[in-house]
Amino acid sequence: MFTSYRRILSAPGALKMSSTALIARLPISMVGLGIVLLVSAATGRYGVAGAVSAAYMVSNAGFAILQGRLLDRLGQGRVLAVASISFGVSISLLVTSVQAGWPIVTTYVFAAIGGAFLPQVGSAVRARWSHVLDQPSDVQTAFALEAVLDEAVFILGPILVAVLATSWHPVAGLVIAVVACVAGTLTFSAQTSTAPPAQPRDDGAGPRPSMPWRAVIPLAVVCAALGVLFGAAEVTTVAFAEEKGHKAVSGALLALWAAGSLSAGVITGAIHWRRGPSTRVRWGSFAMACAMTPLYFVGSLPVMGAVLFVAGFAIAPTMIATMSLTESVVPAGRLTEGMAIMQTGLVAGVAPGATLSGLVVDHQGASAAYLVSVVAGLVAAIAAQTLPRPEGSLRGLRSRRD
């Protein structure tokens, strides 16, 4: 089963590239929660803590595509090195502003700067896999591996930052996140053998290839809708556990959901798929909506854990297919930018999803709020149906632009 993984990791520099990218990505799941824990501990105001965290996340979503474009044009080494150091400095200043009691506006500013400079390592490592590997099936396996590592980051990161902040010091979680980001990203960016070549605007090779928006826009909508689904499901699950009198169990429930996705990601990477990624995106999006529907009817915590675990099996295959399709249609010279568009869509959807589900929880209860995730899944499924057909026409979008 793991032959496919051994094959891709045996490529020169692949294992080091992927492992350092894993470390560099830890802040993705640590900083938002770390900011909430730090600011709330210092001020006693969760509203302010949430607002500072939101400034960080909104800025990250707003600047991710620009950073992806720079990664393609200037090369990963320079851009990631500057981004990681700027991120480390800004988050360090954020911590200082909170600890020293500076005006709260400075904390917002440093949070926004930190979000803007968070290195887009997830997009960068997927672009590297596309550059290093020749066979589409191997690229598919590599994307499955990265999806599994993403799930590991989102399982381990919040646990690590919460334990450090509550048992040691509120600053500790953010310190570890900064160290992981700077050290991991600098090590990753220094690996020039796996990096795709820069694609400057004026390189004498003709006009810059255009983005195949006819495929990219529906894919971005799919990602945004799935972001809404994720954000809504997380808030709703916490509310469900609280309604049952065991709020602390919410972390375990969400971990089961992520574990289901992780398991499906491992299996997906080991399978040689006969159907192309566009077909899998269409079916996967529909499966996401179907997988969330039973949650509305669940009334006990043990059953909810089991249903969430099963529902998680729809996540990774859908995301892997989405990234594989992006890789197959976006020109190589704009691949990191294309990946960043998908990541931005996911991030941008989380906050609205959390807000909508929170409103439904307040007025109708937690079970009803799971319908927000169902509707988001249906929106993703509808957007996926607008992708160009047949599969060959999607590949043609890229061939005409390379």
Protein backbone atom coordinates (compact mmCIF):
# COMPACT_ATOMS: atom_id res chain seq x y z
CA MET A 1 0.00 0.00 0.00
CA PHE A 2 2.82 2.40 0.81
CA THR A 3 4.89 1.68 -2.31
CA SER A 4 3.65 4.91 -3.90
CA TYR A 5 4.83 6.94 -0.92
CA ARG A 6 8.23 5.27 -0.87
CA ARG A 7 8.66 6.02 -4.55
CA ILE A 8 8.00 9.75 -4.30
CA LEU A 9 10.03 10.18 -1.11
CA SER A 10 13.00 8.48 -2.76
CA ALA A 11 13.26 11.34 -5.26
CA PRO A 12 16.39 13.45 -4.60
CA GLY A 13 15.72 15.96 -1.82
CA ALA A 14 12.04 15.00 -1.49
CA LEU A 15 12.07 13.69 2.09
CA LYS A 16 13.95 16.70 3.45
CA MET A 17 11.75 19.08 1.47
CA SER A 18 8.51 17.62 2.80
CA SER A 19 9.68 17.22 6.41
CA THR A 20 10.95 20.79 6.72
CA ALA A 21 7.75 22.06 5.09
CA LEU A 22 5.81 20.21 7.79
CA ILE A 23 7.68 22.07 10.55
CA ALA A 24 7.33 25.39 8.74
CA ARG A 25 3.54 24.91 8.48
CA LEU A 26 2.93 24.44 12.21
CA PRO A 27 2.08 28.14 12.76
CA ILE A 28 -0.94 27.75 10.46
CA SER A 29 -2.84 26.00 13.26
CA MET A 30 -1.06 27.59 16.22
CA VAL A 31 -0.93 31.36 15.84
CA GLY A 32 -4.66 32.17 15.71
CA LEU A 33 -5.38 30.20 18.87
CA GLY A 34 -2.13 31.39 20.46
CA ILE A 35 -3.18 35.02 19.96
CA VAL A 36 -6.55 34.35 21.61
CA LEU A 37 -4.92 32.66 24.61
CA LEU A 38 -2.28 35.39 25.00
CA VAL A 39 -4.57 38.42 24.63
CA SER A 40 -7.37 36.96 26.75
CA ALA A 41 -4.93 36.07 29.52
CA ALA A 42 -3.48 39.60 29.50
CA THR A 43 -6.73 41.57 29.15
CA GLY A 44 -9.43 39.20 30.34
CA ARG A 45 -11.45 40.15 27.24
CA TYR A 46 -12.22 37.37 24.78
CA GLY A 47 -13.89 39.80 22.39
CA VAL A 48 -10.66 41.74 21.94
CA ALA A 49 -8.67 38.51 21.70
CA GLY A 50 -10.95 37.21 18.95
CA ALA A 51 -10.76 40.51 17.08
CA VAL A 52 -6.94 40.51 17.15
CA SER A 53 -6.91 36.92 15.90
CA ALA A 54 -9.38 37.89 13.16
CA ALA A 55 -7.09 40.75 12.06
CA TYR A 56 -4.30 38.21 11.70
CA MET A 57 -6.40 35.75 9.68
CA VAL A 58 -8.04 38.33 7.42
CA SER A 59 -4.67 39.83 6.56
CA ASN A 60 -3.29 36.39 5.83
CA ALA A 61 -6.14 35.64 3.45
CA GLY A 62 -5.78 39.02 1.77
CA PHE A 63 -2.06 38.76 1.05
CA ALA A 64 -1.64 35.03 0.35
CA ILE A 65 -2.31 35.33 -3.39
CA LEU A 66 0.13 38.25 -3.73
CA GLN A 67 2.81 36.22 -1.96
CA GLY A 68 2.07 33.25 -4.24
CA ARG A 69 2.56 35.49 -7.27
CA LEU A 70 5.89 36.74 -5.89
CA LEU A 71 7.00 33.17 -5.20
CA ASP A 72 6.49 32.37 -8.88
CA ARG A 73 8.10 35.55 -10.20
CA LEU A 74 11.06 36.00 -7.83
CA GLY A 75 11.69 32.42 -6.73
CA GLN A 76 10.86 30.66 -3.49
CA GLY A 77 14.21 31.15 -1.77
CA ARG A 78 14.19 34.94 -1.53
CA VAL A 79 10.48 35.42 -0.93
CA LEU A 80 10.13 32.76 1.76
CA ALA A 81 13.24 33.93 3.60
CA VAL A 82 12.01 37.54 3.75
CA ALA A 83 8.49 36.44 4.67
CA SER A 84 9.60 34.15 7.51
CA ILE A 85 11.87 36.74 9.12
CA SER A 86 9.22 39.46 8.78
CA PHE A 87 6.64 37.10 10.29
CA GLY A 88 8.92 36.29 13.22
CA VAL A 89 9.63 39.96 13.93
CA SER A 90 5.98 41.04 13.72
CA ILE A 91 4.67 38.24 15.97
CA SER A 92 7.47 38.95 18.46
CA LEU A 93 6.41 42.61 18.50
CA LEU A 94 2.78 41.53 18.96
CA VAL A 95 3.78 39.53 22.04
CA THR A 96 5.80 42.47 23.34
CA SER A 97 2.91 44.88 22.81
CA VAL A 98 0.58 42.67 24.84
CA GLN A 99 3.05 41.96 27.62
CA ALA A 100 4.18 45.58 27.90
CA GLY A 101 0.68 47.01 27.81
CA TRP A 102 1.13 49.07 24.65
CA PRO A 103 -2.00 50.62 23.08
CA ILE A 104 -4.20 47.86 21.68
CA VAL A 105 -4.03 49.38 18.19
CA THR A 106 -0.37 48.34 18.00
CA THR A 107 -1.37 44.75 18.72
CA TYR A 108 -3.87 44.86 15.84
CA VAL A 109 -1.21 46.29 13.53
CA PHE A 110 1.39 43.67 14.38
CA ALA A 111 -1.22 40.91 14.04
CA ALA A 112 -2.14 42.16 10.56
CA ILE A 113 1.52 42.39 9.52
CA GLY A 114 2.19 38.90 10.84
CA GLY A 115 -0.76 37.50 8.91
CA ALA A 116 0.39 39.20 5.72
CA PHE A 117 3.89 37.73 5.98
CA LEU A 118 2.99 34.19 7.06
CA PRO A 119 5.02 32.10 4.58
CA GLN A 120 2.86 30.23 2.07
CA VAL A 121 4.81 27.02 2.53
CA GLY A 122 1.85 24.76 1.77
CA SER A 123 1.49 26.23 -1.72
CA ALA A 124 5.26 26.30 -2.21
CA VAL A 125 5.84 22.64 -1.34
CA ARG A 126 3.07 21.51 -3.68
CA ALA A 127 4.64 23.56 -6.48
CA ARG A 128 7.95 21.83 -5.70
CA TRP A 129 6.37 18.39 -5.93
CA SER A 130 4.97 19.30 -9.33
CA HIS A 131 8.48 20.37 -10.41
CA VAL A 132 10.31 17.35 -8.97
CA LEU A 133 7.97 14.60 -10.16
CA ASP A 134 7.18 13.71 -13.77
CA GLN A 135 4.25 11.30 -13.52
CA PRO A 136 0.77 12.70 -12.74
CA SER A 137 0.07 9.68 -10.52
CA ASP A 138 3.16 10.49 -8.46
CA VAL A 139 2.08 14.13 -8.12
CA GLN A 140 -1.31 12.88 -6.94
CA THR A 141 0.42 10.76 -4.28
CA ALA A 142 2.55 13.72 -3.23
CA PHE A 143 -0.51 15.93 -2.83
CA ALA A 144 -2.12 13.17 -0.76
CA LEU A 145 0.95 13.10 1.46
CA GLU A 146 0.78 16.87 1.96
CA ALA A 147 -2.94 16.65 2.74
CA VAL A 148 -2.15 14.07 5.42
CA LEU A 149 0.56 16.31 6.84
CA ASP A 150 -1.87 19.24 6.82
CA GLU A 151 -4.28 17.18 8.90
CA ALA A 152 -1.45 16.31 11.29
CA VAL A 153 -0.66 20.01 11.63
CA PHE A 154 -4.28 20.84 12.43
CA ILE A 155 -4.48 18.03 14.98
CA LEU A 156 -1.16 18.65 16.75
CA GLY A 157 -0.85 22.44 16.48
CA PRO A 158 -3.84 23.49 18.61
CA ILE A 159 -3.04 20.85 21.22
CA LEU A 160 0.57 22.00 21.44
CA VAL A 161 -0.22 25.70 21.74
CA ALA A 162 -3.01 25.12 24.27
CA VAL A 163 -0.85 22.92 26.50
CA LEU A 164 2.09 25.33 26.37
CA ALA A 165 -0.06 28.41 27.00
CA THR A 166 -2.05 26.92 29.88
CA SER A 167 0.57 24.82 31.65
CA TRP A 168 3.68 26.95 31.10
CA HIS A 169 3.07 30.56 29.97
CA PRO A 170 0.60 32.29 27.60
CA VAL A 171 3.55 33.40 25.46
CA ALA A 172 5.02 29.91 25.08
CA GLY A 173 2.75 28.69 22.30
CA LEU A 174 3.48 31.68 20.08
CA VAL A 175 7.21 31.44 20.75
CA ILE A 176 7.27 27.83 19.55
CA ALA A 177 5.19 28.79 16.51
CA VAL A 178 7.64 31.55 15.58
CA VAL A 179 10.67 29.29 16.03
CA ALA A 180 9.07 26.54 13.95
CA CYS A 181 8.13 28.98 11.20
CA VAL A 182 11.46 30.78 10.93
CA ALA A 183 13.70 27.73 11.32
CA GLY A 184 11.54 25.47 9.16
CA THR A 185 10.99 28.00 6.40
CA LEU A 186 14.62 29.09 6.17
CA THR A 187 15.72 25.46 5.98
CA PHE A 188 13.05 24.74 3.39
CA SER A 189 13.86 27.79 1.25
CA ALA A 190 17.58 26.95 1.30
CA GLN A 191 16.91 23.67 -0.57
CA THR A 192 17.44 25.04 -4.06
CA SER A 193 17.64 21.65 -5.81
CA THR A 194 13.89 21.04 -5.49
CA ALA A 195 12.74 24.63 -6.08
CA PRO A 196 11.02 25.46 -9.38
CA PRO A 197 12.79 28.19 -11.37
CA ALA A 198 11.63 31.78 -11.00
CA GLN A 199 9.38 33.11 -13.75
CA PRO A 200 10.09 36.86 -13.95
CA ARG A 201 7.64 39.07 -15.81
CA ASP A 202 10.21 40.17 -18.38
CA ASP A 203 12.35 37.12 -19.07
CA GLY A 204 12.48 37.43 -22.86
CA ALA A 205 10.34 34.32 -23.31
CA GLY A 206 7.19 36.12 -24.40
CA PRO A 207 4.11 37.22 -22.47
CA ARG A 208 3.42 35.77 -19.06
CA PRO A 209 1.00 32.82 -19.32
CA SER A 210 -2.56 33.75 -18.43
CA MET A 211 -4.48 32.13 -15.61
CA PRO A 212 -7.15 29.65 -16.79
CA TRP A 213 -9.93 31.40 -14.90
CA ARG A 214 -12.63 29.22 -16.47
CA ALA A 215 -11.40 26.39 -14.26
CA VAL A 216 -9.75 28.35 -11.45
CA ILE A 217 -12.83 30.37 -10.45
CA PRO A 218 -15.10 27.33 -9.91
CA LEU A 219 -12.30 25.63 -7.98
CA ALA A 220 -11.83 28.72 -5.81
CA VAL A 221 -15.58 28.77 -5.09
CA VAL A 222 -15.40 25.09 -4.13
CA CYS A 223 -12.57 25.87 -1.72
CA ALA A 224 -14.38 28.87 -0.23
CA ALA A 225 -17.55 26.83 0.28
CA LEU A 226 -15.56 24.06 1.94
CA GLY A 227 -13.92 26.69 4.15
CA VAL A 228 -17.41 27.74 5.26
CA LEU A 229 -18.21 24.09 5.90
CA PHE A 230 -15.10 23.63 8.06
CA GLY A 231 -15.57 26.84 10.05
CA ALA A 232 -19.24 26.09 10.67
CA ALA A 233 -18.62 22.49 11.70
CA GLU A 234 -15.91 23.43 14.19
CA VAL A 235 -18.06 26.01 16.00
CA THR A 236 -21.12 23.79 15.89
CA THR A 237 -19.26 20.80 17.31
CA VAL A 238 -18.03 22.86 20.26
CA ALA A 239 -21.58 24.10 20.86
CA PHE A 240 -22.96 20.55 20.58
CA ALA A 241 -20.53 19.25 23.18
CA GLU A 242 -21.38 22.17 25.48
CA GLU A 243 -25.10 21.49 25.13
CA LYS A 244 -24.44 17.92 26.26
CA GLY A 245 -22.55 19.20 29.31
CA HIS A 246 -19.08 18.12 28.15
CA LYS A 247 -17.51 21.05 26.32
CA ALA A 248 -14.01 19.64 26.90
CA VAL A 249 -14.91 16.69 24.65
CA SER A 250 -15.24 19.00 21.64
CA GLY A 251 -11.50 18.77 20.99
CA ALA A 252 -11.69 14.98 20.84
CA LEU A 253 -14.68 15.13 18.49
CA LEU A 254 -12.86 17.46 16.10
CA ALA A 255 -9.76 15.27 16.34
CA LEU A 256 -11.86 12.28 15.25
CA TRP A 257 -13.11 14.29 12.28
CA ALA A 258 -9.54 15.15 11.32
CA ALA A 259 -8.43 11.55 11.90
CA GLY A 260 -11.02 10.35 9.41
CA SER A 261 -9.70 12.80 6.84
CA LEU A 262 -6.11 11.80 7.57
CA SER A 263 -6.95 8.11 7.09
CA ALA A 264 -8.71 8.81 3.81
CA GLY A 265 -5.76 10.90 2.64
CA VAL A 266 -3.34 8.04 3.22
CA ILE A 267 -5.58 5.67 1.26
CA THR A 268 -6.13 8.17 -1.55
CA GLY A 269 -2.41 8.56 -2.15
CA ALA A 270 -1.93 4.82 -2.44
CA ILE A 271 -4.65 4.33 -5.08
CA HIS A 272 -4.14 4.63 -8.83
CA TRP A 273 -7.28 6.48 -9.86
CA ARG A 274 -8.96 5.77 -13.19
CA ARG A 275 -11.10 8.87 -12.91
CA GLY A 276 -9.47 12.25 -13.36
CA PRO A 277 -9.36 14.95 -10.68
CA SER A 278 -12.27 16.99 -12.09
CA THR A 279 -14.60 14.02 -11.70
CA ARG A 280 -13.32 13.44 -8.18
CA VAL A 281 -13.83 17.10 -7.28
CA ARG A 282 -17.45 16.91 -8.42
CA TRP A 283 -18.19 13.70 -6.54
CA GLY A 284 -16.11 14.68 -3.52
CA SER A 285 -17.92 17.98 -3.06
CA PHE A 286 -21.26 16.19 -3.19
CA ALA A 287 -19.95 13.60 -0.73
CA MET A 288 -18.98 16.39 1.67
CA ALA A 289 -22.57 17.66 1.72
CA CYS A 290 -23.93 14.14 2.18
CA ALA A 291 -21.43 13.36 4.94
CA MET A 292 -22.50 16.39 7.00
CA THR A 293 -26.24 15.69 6.73
CA PRO A 294 -26.48 12.92 9.39
CA LEU A 295 -24.97 15.23 12.03
CA TYR A 296 -28.27 17.11 12.25
CA PHE A 297 -29.97 13.96 13.56
CA VAL A 298 -27.32 12.85 16.11
CA GLY A 299 -28.17 13.30 19.78
CA SER A 300 -25.32 11.71 21.74
CA LEU A 301 -21.60 12.37 22.05
CA PRO A 302 -20.37 8.81 21.27
CA VAL A 303 -22.50 8.61 18.14
CA MET A 304 -21.38 12.10 17.12
CA GLY A 305 -17.74 11.00 17.39
CA ALA A 306 -18.38 7.99 15.17
CA VAL A 307 -20.32 9.98 12.58
CA LEU A 308 -17.70 12.74 12.48
CA PHE A 309 -14.95 10.17 11.95
CA VAL A 310 -16.83 8.72 8.97
CA ALA A 311 -17.66 12.20 7.66
CA GLY A 312 -13.97 13.05 7.74
CA PHE A 313 -13.32 10.48 5.01
CA ALA A 314 -14.78 12.90 2.45
CA ILE A 315 -12.39 15.77 3.27
CA ALA A 316 -8.91 14.74 2.16
CA PRO A 317 -9.91 13.05 -1.13
CA THR A 318 -11.83 16.17 -2.15
CA MET A 319 -9.00 18.53 -1.25
CA ILE A 320 -6.41 16.30 -2.93
CA ALA A 321 -8.48 16.23 -6.11
CA THR A 322 -8.88 20.02 -5.96
CA MET A 323 -5.14 20.60 -5.68
CA SER A 324 -4.40 17.95 -8.33
CA LEU A 325 -6.81 19.64 -10.74
CA THR A 326 -5.26 23.03 -9.99
CA GLU A 327 -1.83 21.59 -10.73
CA SER A 328 -3.04 20.11 -14.02
CA VAL A 329 -4.64 23.28 -15.42
CA VAL A 330 -2.53 26.17 -14.07
CA PRO A 331 0.64 27.04 -16.04
CA ALA A 332 3.87 26.04 -14.31
CA GLY A 333 4.97 29.69 -14.15
CA ARG A 334 1.90 30.59 -12.05
CA LEU A 335 1.40 27.36 -10.13
CA THR A 336 2.26 28.70 -6.66
CA GLU A 337 -0.12 31.59 -7.26
CA GLY A 338 -2.83 29.14 -8.30
CA MET A 339 -2.29 27.03 -5.19
CA ALA A 340 -2.42 30.19 -3.06
CA ILE A 341 -5.78 31.11 -4.57
CA MET A 342 -7.18 27.77 -3.38
CA GLN A 343 -5.66 28.16 0.09
CA THR A 344 -7.03 31.70 0.32
CA GLY A 345 -10.48 30.45 -0.61
CA LEU A 346 -10.38 27.95 2.21
CA VAL A 347 -9.17 30.48 4.77
CA ALA A 348 -11.62 33.15 3.60
CA GLY A 349 -14.55 30.79 4.09
CA VAL A 350 -13.78 29.78 7.66
CA ALA A 351 -14.77 33.04 9.39
CA PRO A 352 -18.16 33.45 7.64
CA GLY A 353 -18.90 29.79 8.33
CA ALA A 354 -18.10 30.19 12.00
CA THR A 355 -20.20 33.36 12.21
CA LEU A 356 -23.24 31.88 10.46
CA SER A 357 -23.19 28.72 12.53
CA GLY A 358 -22.80 30.77 15.71
CA LEU A 359 -25.92 32.73 14.87
CA VAL A 360 -27.87 29.53 14.22
CA VAL A 361 -26.61 28.02 17.48
CA ASP A 362 -27.83 31.07 19.40
CA HIS A 363 -31.31 30.92 17.88
CA GLN A 364 -31.95 27.26 17.00
CA GLY A 365 -29.34 25.16 18.83
CA ALA A 366 -26.27 23.21 17.79
CA SER A 367 -27.94 20.44 15.77
CA ALA A 368 -29.62 22.93 13.45
CA ALA A 369 -26.31 24.72 12.94
CA TYR A 370 -24.88 21.65 11.22
CA LEU A 371 -27.20 22.53 8.33
CA VAL A 372 -24.89 25.48 7.58
CA SER A 373 -22.21 22.93 6.72
CA VAL A 374 -24.67 20.94 4.63
CA VAL A 375 -25.65 24.00 2.58
CA ALA A 376 -21.97 24.95 2.14
CA GLY A 377 -21.27 21.45 0.85
CA LEU A 378 -24.11 21.79 -1.65
CA VAL A 379 -22.72 25.13 -2.84
CA ALA A 380 -19.35 23.44 -3.37
CA ALA A 381 -21.02 20.62 -5.29
CA ILE A 382 -22.89 23.08 -7.54
CA ALA A 383 -19.70 25.07 -8.21
CA ALA A 384 -17.86 21.85 -9.08
CA GLN A 385 -20.50 21.04 -11.69
CA THR A 386 -19.53 24.21 -13.58
CA LEU A 387 -16.00 22.97 -14.22
CA PRO A 388 -15.25 22.57 -17.95
CA ARG A 389 -15.92 19.13 -19.40
CA PRO A 390 -14.65 16.74 -20.55
CA GLU A 391 -11.46 16.07 -18.59
CA GLY A 392 -9.31 16.57 -21.68
CA SER A 393 -10.53 20.15 -22.11
CA LEU A 394 -9.13 21.01 -18.68
CA ARG A 395 -5.71 19.68 -19.60
CA GLY A 396 -5.96 21.71 -22.78
CA LEU A 397 -6.38 24.89 -20.74
CA ARG A 398 -2.90 24.42 -19.39
CA SER A 399 -1.27 23.22 -22.61
CA ARG A 400 -2.42 26.38 -24.40
CA ARG A 401 -0.86 28.57 -21.70
CA ASP A 402 2.47 26.87 -21.00
